[in-house]
Amino acid sequence: MRVTENCGGCGMCVMTAPRYFHLVDGLSQALLSEVDPDDAVLAAAELCPMTAIEVFDADTGAAVTPTP
């Protein structure tokens, strides 16, 4: 997973999945690039108003979220 440059720093991801995201200088950063499947990470990506969180399948590299 990664946080793109589209991040607006609203902190929704930190509130939704604090084990995986934190704010640095007002912008979100993922604490890890690879994580085990976790609904909190998917929820954070889906709730991001800037669609700045990208989640990929580690085996295939296919985008898991955000969904169009």
PDB file of N, CA and C in Angstrom:
ATOM      1  N   MET A   1       0.850  -1.172   0.000  1.00  0.00           N
ATOM      2  CA  MET A   1       0.000   0.000   0.000  1.00  0.00           C
ATOM      3  C   MET A   1       0.884   1.218   0.000  1.00  0.00           C
ATOM      4  N   ARG A   2       0.311   2.308  -0.456  1.00  0.00           N
ATOM      5  CA  ARG A   2       1.043   3.564  -0.429  1.00  0.00           C
ATOM      6  C   ARG A   2       0.066   4.722  -0.399  1.00  0.00           C
ATOM      7  N   VAL A   3       0.553   5.847   0.088  1.00  0.00           N
ATOM      8  CA  VAL A   3      -0.212   7.097   0.089  1.00  0.00           C
ATOM      9  C   VAL A   3       0.375   7.958  -1.022  1.00  0.00           C
ATOM     10  N   THR A   4      -0.466   8.409  -1.934  1.00  0.00           N
ATOM     11  CA  THR A   4       0.008   9.194  -3.068  1.00  0.00           C
ATOM     12  C   THR A   4       0.118  10.676  -2.710  1.00  0.00           C
ATOM     13  N   GLU A   5       0.625  11.432  -3.658  1.00  0.00           N
ATOM     14  CA  GLU A   5       0.768  12.876  -3.484  1.00  0.00           C
ATOM     15  C   GLU A   5      -0.578  13.589  -3.445  1.00  0.00           C
ATOM     16  N   ASN A   6      -1.670  12.869  -3.691  1.00  0.00           N
ATOM     17  CA  ASN A   6      -3.013  13.461  -3.621  1.00  0.00           C
ATOM     18  C   ASN A   6      -3.482  13.695  -2.190  1.00  0.00           C
ATOM     19  N   CYS A   7      -2.743  13.191  -1.209  1.00  0.00           N
ATOM     20  CA  CYS A   7      -3.149  13.317   0.191  1.00  0.00           C
ATOM     21  C   CYS A   7      -3.371  14.778   0.565  1.00  0.00           C
ATOM     22  N   GLY A   8      -4.525  15.029   1.185  1.00  0.00           N
ATOM     23  CA  GLY A   8      -4.845  16.371   1.654  1.00  0.00           C
ATOM     24  C   GLY A   8      -4.661  16.534   3.149  1.00  0.00           C
ATOM     25  N   GLY A   9      -4.287  15.446   3.833  1.00  0.00           N
ATOM     26  CA  GLY A   9      -3.996  15.526   5.255  1.00  0.00           C
ATOM     27  C   GLY A   9      -5.202  15.606   6.171  1.00  0.00           C
ATOM     28  N   CYS A  10      -6.349  15.081   5.736  1.00  0.00           N
ATOM     29  CA  CYS A  10      -7.548  15.162   6.577  1.00  0.00           C
ATOM     30  C   CYS A  10      -7.469  14.247   7.794  1.00  0.00           C
ATOM     31  N   GLY A  11      -6.640  13.205   7.741  1.00  0.00           N
ATOM     32  CA  GLY A  11      -6.466  12.314   8.878  1.00  0.00           C
ATOM     33  C   GLY A  11      -7.481  11.194   8.988  1.00  0.00           C
ATOM     34  N   MET A  12      -8.352  11.045   8.002  1.00  0.00           N
ATOM     35  CA  MET A  12      -9.354   9.981   8.050  1.00  0.00           C
ATOM     36  C   MET A  12      -8.684   8.606   8.160  1.00  0.00           C
ATOM     37  N   CYS A  13      -7.592   8.402   7.442  1.00  0.00           N
ATOM     38  CA  CYS A  13      -6.903   7.112   7.484  1.00  0.00           C
ATOM     39  C   CYS A  13      -6.323   6.835   8.872  1.00  0.00           C
ATOM     40  N   VAL A  14      -5.797   7.870   9.512  1.00  0.00           N
ATOM     41  CA  VAL A  14      -5.227   7.710  10.852  1.00  0.00           C
ATOM     42  C   VAL A  14      -6.319   7.351  11.851  1.00  0.00           C
ATOM     43  N   MET A  15      -7.485   7.957  11.697  1.00  0.00           N
ATOM     44  CA  MET A  15      -8.602   7.643  12.589  1.00  0.00           C
ATOM     45  C   MET A  15      -9.155   6.248  12.319  1.00  0.00           C
ATOM     46  N   THR A  16      -9.139   5.817  11.063  1.00  0.00           N
ATOM     47  CA  THR A  16      -9.715   4.539  10.673  1.00  0.00           C
ATOM     48  C   THR A  16      -8.753   3.372  10.907  1.00  0.00           C
ATOM     49  N   ALA A  17      -7.480   3.588  10.627  1.00  0.00           N
ATOM     50  CA  ALA A  17      -6.488   2.515  10.731  1.00  0.00           C
ATOM     51  C   ALA A  17      -5.188   3.039  11.348  1.00  0.00           C
ATOM     52  N   PRO A  18      -5.218   3.405  12.622  1.00  0.00           N
ATOM     53  CA  PRO A  18      -4.050   4.021  13.252  1.00  0.00           C
ATOM     54  C   PRO A  18      -2.823   3.108  13.333  1.00  0.00           C
ATOM     55  N   ARG A  19      -3.027   1.813  13.219  1.00  0.00           N
ATOM     56  CA  ARG A  19      -1.877   0.892  13.224  1.00  0.00           C
ATOM     57  C   ARG A  19      -1.084   0.971  11.930  1.00  0.00           C
ATOM     58  N   TYR A  20      -1.668   1.584  10.897  1.00  0.00           N
ATOM     59  CA  TYR A  20      -1.061   1.552   9.573  1.00  0.00           C
ATOM     60  C   TYR A  20      -0.702   2.919   8.996  1.00  0.00           C
ATOM     61  N   PHE A  21      -1.260   3.991   9.554  1.00  0.00           N
ATOM     62  CA  PHE A  21      -1.027   5.328   9.018  1.00  0.00           C
ATOM     63  C   PHE A  21      -0.725   6.319  10.132  1.00  0.00           C
ATOM     64  N   HIS A  22       0.051   7.343   9.798  1.00  0.00           N
ATOM     65  CA  HIS A  22       0.270   8.459  10.720  1.00  0.00           C
ATOM     66  C   HIS A  22       0.457   9.726   9.888  1.00  0.00           C
ATOM     67  N   LEU A  23       0.295  10.860  10.534  1.00  0.00           N
ATOM     68  CA  LEU A  23       0.467  12.135   9.851  1.00  0.00           C
ATOM     69  C   LEU A  23       1.868  12.674  10.123  1.00  0.00           C
ATOM     70  N   VAL A  24       2.513  13.143   9.070  1.00  0.00           N
ATOM     71  CA  VAL A  24       3.829  13.763   9.171  1.00  0.00           C
ATOM     72  C   VAL A  24       3.751  15.081   8.412  1.00  0.00           C
ATOM     73  N   ASP A  25       3.999  16.164   9.116  1.00  0.00           N
ATOM     74  CA  ASP A  25       3.919  17.497   8.511  1.00  0.00           C
ATOM     75  C   ASP A  25       2.581  17.721   7.813  1.00  0.00           C
ATOM     76  N   GLY A  26       1.517  17.205   8.434  1.00  0.00           N
ATOM     77  CA  GLY A  26       0.171  17.426   7.926  1.00  0.00           C
ATOM     78  C   GLY A  26      -0.268  16.509   6.806  1.00  0.00           C
ATOM     79  N   LEU A  27       0.555  15.526   6.431  1.00  0.00           N
ATOM     80  CA  LEU A  27       0.181  14.581   5.377  1.00  0.00           C
ATOM     81  C   LEU A  27       0.313  13.155   5.889  1.00  0.00           C
ATOM     82  N   SER A  28      -0.516  12.281   5.343  1.00  0.00           N
ATOM     83  CA  SER A  28      -0.502  10.889   5.771  1.00  0.00           C
ATOM     84  C   SER A  28       0.683  10.145   5.192  1.00  0.00           C
ATOM     85  N   GLN A  29       1.192   9.202   5.984  1.00  0.00           N
ATOM     86  CA  GLN A  29       2.215   8.276   5.524  1.00  0.00           C
ATOM     87  C   GLN A  29       1.838   6.892   6.009  1.00  0.00           C
ATOM     88  N   ALA A  30       2.073   5.915   5.139  1.00  0.00           N
ATOM     89  CA  ALA A  30       1.859   4.526   5.541  1.00  0.00           C
ATOM     90  C   ALA A  30       3.036   4.109   6.419  1.00  0.00           C
ATOM     91  N   LEU A  31       2.745   3.419   7.497  1.00  0.00           N
ATOM     92  CA  LEU A  31       3.808   2.952   8.378  1.00  0.00           C
ATOM     93  C   LEU A  31       4.553   1.775   7.770  1.00  0.00           C
ATOM     94  N   LEU A  32       3.863   0.993   6.931  1.00  0.00           N
ATOM     95  CA  LEU A  32       4.446  -0.179   6.269  1.00  0.00           C
ATOM     96  C   LEU A  32       4.013  -0.192   4.814  1.00  0.00           C
ATOM     97  N   SER A  33       4.841  -0.727   3.939  1.00  0.00           N
ATOM     98  CA  SER A  33       4.424  -0.830   2.539  1.00  0.00           C
ATOM     99  C   SER A  33       3.650  -2.119   2.287  1.00  0.00           C
ATOM    100  N   GLU A  34       3.937  -3.169   3.064  1.00  0.00           N
ATOM    101  CA  GLU A  34       3.202  -4.424   2.947  1.00  0.00           C
ATOM    102  C   GLU A  34       2.577  -4.771   4.284  1.00  0.00           C
ATOM    103  N   VAL A  35       1.309  -5.150   4.233  1.00  0.00           N
ATOM    104  CA  VAL A  35       0.584  -5.557   5.440  1.00  0.00           C
ATOM    105  C   VAL A  35      -0.243  -6.791   5.117  1.00  0.00           C
ATOM    106  N   ASP A  36      -0.551  -7.558   6.141  1.00  0.00           N
ATOM    107  CA  ASP A  36      -1.486  -8.662   5.970  1.00  0.00           C
ATOM    108  C   ASP A  36      -2.858  -8.068   5.682  1.00  0.00           C
ATOM    109  N   PRO A  37      -3.717  -8.827   5.008  1.00  0.00           N
ATOM    110  CA  PRO A  37      -5.058  -8.301   4.720  1.00  0.00           C
ATOM    111  C   PRO A  37      -5.732  -7.803   5.999  1.00  0.00           C
ATOM    112  N   ASP A  38      -6.271  -6.606   5.913  1.00  0.00           N
ATOM    113  CA  ASP A  38      -6.933  -6.009   7.069  1.00  0.00           C
ATOM    114  C   ASP A  38      -8.044  -5.087   6.573  1.00  0.00           C
ATOM    115  N   ASP A  39      -9.240  -5.320   7.072  1.00  0.00           N
ATOM    116  CA  ASP A  39     -10.387  -4.502   6.667  1.00  0.00           C
ATOM    117  C   ASP A  39     -10.195  -3.035   7.002  1.00  0.00           C
ATOM    118  N   ALA A  40      -9.420  -2.729   8.039  1.00  0.00           N
ATOM    119  CA  ALA A  40      -9.197  -1.329   8.424  1.00  0.00           C
ATOM    120  C   ALA A  40      -8.427  -0.587   7.328  1.00  0.00           C
ATOM    121  N   VAL A  41      -7.464  -1.248   6.702  1.00  0.00           N
ATOM    122  CA  VAL A  41      -6.701  -0.622   5.622  1.00  0.00           C
ATOM    123  C   VAL A  41      -7.608  -0.362   4.423  1.00  0.00           C
ATOM    124  N   LEU A  42      -8.424  -1.347   4.077  1.00  0.00           N
ATOM    125  CA  LEU A  42      -9.351  -1.175   2.959  1.00  0.00           C
ATOM    126  C   LEU A  42     -10.357  -0.073   3.251  1.00  0.00           C
ATOM    127  N   ALA A  43     -10.839  -0.022   4.491  1.00  0.00           N
ATOM    128  CA  ALA A  43     -11.791   1.024   4.869  1.00  0.00           C
ATOM    129  C   ALA A  43     -11.134   2.400   4.785  1.00  0.00           C
ATOM    130  N   ALA A  44      -9.899   2.514   5.233  1.00  0.00           N
ATOM    131  CA  ALA A  44      -9.196   3.794   5.165  1.00  0.00           C
ATOM    132  C   ALA A  44      -9.061   4.250   3.713  1.00  0.00           C
ATOM    133  N   ALA A  45      -8.733   3.322   2.830  1.00  0.00           N
ATOM    134  CA  ALA A  45      -8.597   3.668   1.414  1.00  0.00           C
ATOM    135  C   ALA A  45      -9.937   4.097   0.821  1.00  0.00           C
ATOM    136  N   GLU A  46     -10.983   3.381   1.160  1.00  0.00           N
ATOM    137  CA  GLU A  46     -12.308   3.704   0.633  1.00  0.00           C
ATOM    138  C   GLU A  46     -12.840   5.026   1.188  1.00  0.00           C
ATOM    139  N   LEU A  47     -12.488   5.354   2.428  1.00  0.00           N
ATOM    140  CA  LEU A  47     -12.990   6.576   3.060  1.00  0.00           C
ATOM    141  C   LEU A  47     -12.160   7.816   2.724  1.00  0.00           C
ATOM    142  N   CYS A  48     -10.989   7.624   2.164  1.00  0.00           N
ATOM    143  CA  CYS A  48     -10.120   8.766   1.854  1.00  0.00           C
ATOM    144  C   CYS A  48     -10.805   9.677   0.839  1.00  0.00           C
ATOM    145  N   PRO A  49     -11.071  10.932   1.197  1.00  0.00           N
ATOM    146  CA  PRO A  49     -11.775  11.836   0.285  1.00  0.00           C
ATOM    147  C   PRO A  49     -10.951  12.217  -0.946  1.00  0.00           C
ATOM    148  N   MET A  50      -9.654  12.016  -0.883  1.00  0.00           N
ATOM    149  CA  MET A  50      -8.780  12.355  -2.014  1.00  0.00           C
ATOM    150  C   MET A  50      -8.355  11.113  -2.803  1.00  0.00           C
ATOM    151  N   THR A  51      -8.882   9.945  -2.434  1.00  0.00           N
ATOM    152  CA  THR A  51      -8.464   8.642  -3.007  1.00  0.00           C
ATOM    153  C   THR A  51      -6.940   8.563  -3.110  1.00  0.00           C
ATOM    154  N   ALA A  52      -6.283   8.935  -2.023  1.00  0.00           N
ATOM    155  CA  ALA A  52      -4.821   8.982  -1.998  1.00  0.00           C
ATOM    156  C   ALA A  52      -4.177   7.698  -1.497  1.00  0.00           C
ATOM    157  N   ILE A  53      -4.970   6.727  -1.067  1.00  0.00           N
ATOM    158  CA  ILE A  53      -4.411   5.480  -0.562  1.00  0.00           C
ATOM    159  C   ILE A  53      -4.623   4.400  -1.600  1.00  0.00           C
ATOM    160  N   GLU A  54      -3.532   3.800  -2.013  1.00  0.00           N
ATOM    161  CA  GLU A  54      -3.587   2.712  -2.979  1.00  0.00           C
ATOM    162  C   GLU A  54      -3.196   1.418  -2.285  1.00  0.00           C
ATOM    163  N   VAL A  55      -4.006   0.378  -2.485  1.00  0.00           N
ATOM    164  CA  VAL A  55      -3.743  -0.930  -1.895  1.00  0.00           C
ATOM    165  C   VAL A  55      -3.627  -1.922  -3.046  1.00  0.00           C
ATOM    166  N   PHE A  56      -2.579  -2.728  -2.999  1.00  0.00           N
ATOM    167  CA  PHE A  56      -2.312  -3.697  -4.053  1.00  0.00           C
ATOM    168  C   PHE A  56      -2.227  -5.100  -3.482  1.00  0.00           C
ATOM    169  N   ASP A  57      -2.616  -6.085  -4.277  1.00  0.00           N
ATOM    170  CA  ASP A  57      -2.448  -7.486  -3.914  1.00  0.00           C
ATOM    171  C   ASP A  57      -0.957  -7.797  -3.995  1.00  0.00           C
ATOM    172  N   ALA A  58      -0.377  -8.308  -2.928  1.00  0.00           N
ATOM    173  CA  ALA A  58       1.058  -8.564  -2.879  1.00  0.00           C
ATOM    174  C   ALA A  58       1.488  -9.654  -3.864  1.00  0.00           C
ATOM    175  N   ASP A  59       0.602 -10.583  -4.147  1.00  0.00           N
ATOM    176  CA  ASP A  59       0.962 -11.687  -5.055  1.00  0.00           C
ATOM    177  C   ASP A  59       0.880 -11.279  -6.522  1.00  0.00           C
ATOM    178  N   THR A  60      -0.155 -10.526  -6.876  1.00  0.00           N
ATOM    179  CA  THR A  60      -0.381 -10.211  -8.288  1.00  0.00           C
ATOM    180  C   THR A  60      -0.020  -8.776  -8.666  1.00  0.00           C
ATOM    181  N   GLY A  61       0.049  -7.901  -7.686  1.00  0.00           N
ATOM    182  CA  GLY A  61       0.301  -6.486  -7.966  1.00  0.00           C
ATOM    183  C   GLY A  61      -0.934  -5.740  -8.431  1.00  0.00           C
ATOM    184  N   ALA A  62      -2.064  -6.437  -8.497  1.00  0.00           N
ATOM    185  CA  ALA A  62      -3.322  -5.817  -8.940  1.00  0.00           C
ATOM    186  C   ALA A  62      -3.838  -4.863  -7.879  1.00  0.00           C
ATOM    187  N   ALA A  63      -4.402  -3.751  -8.331  1.00  0.00           N
ATOM    188  CA  ALA A  63      -5.007  -2.795  -7.407  1.00  0.00           C
ATOM    189  C   ALA A  63      -6.206  -3.429  -6.728  1.00  0.00           C
ATOM    190  N   VAL A  64      -6.275  -3.279  -5.423  1.00  0.00           N
ATOM    191  CA  VAL A  64      -7.396  -3.791  -4.636  1.00  0.00           C
ATOM    192  C   VAL A  64      -8.378  -2.670  -4.356  1.00  0.00           C
ATOM    193  N   THR A  65      -7.882  -1.486  -4.112  1.00  0.00           N
ATOM    194  CA  THR A  65      -8.702  -0.322  -3.829  1.00  0.00           C
ATOM    195  C   THR A  65      -7.895   0.917  -4.159  1.00  0.00           C
ATOM    196  N   PRO A  66      -8.396   2.027  -4.448  1.00  0.00           N
ATOM    197  CA  PRO A  66      -9.817   2.344  -4.407  1.00  0.00           C
ATOM    198  C   PRO A  66     -10.542   1.787  -5.624  1.00  0.00           C
ATOM    199  N   THR A  67     -11.818   1.539  -5.413  1.00  0.00           N
ATOM    200  CA  THR A  67     -12.647   1.034  -6.493  1.00  0.00           C
ATOM    201  C   THR A  67     -13.278   2.207  -7.212  1.00  0.00           C
ATOM    202  N   PRO A  68     -13.461   2.080  -8.515  1.00  0.00           N
ATOM    203  CA  PRO A  68     -14.056   3.197  -9.266  1.00  0.00           C
ATOM    204  C   PRO A  68     -15.489   3.466  -8.891  1.00  0.00           C
TER     205      PRO A  68
END
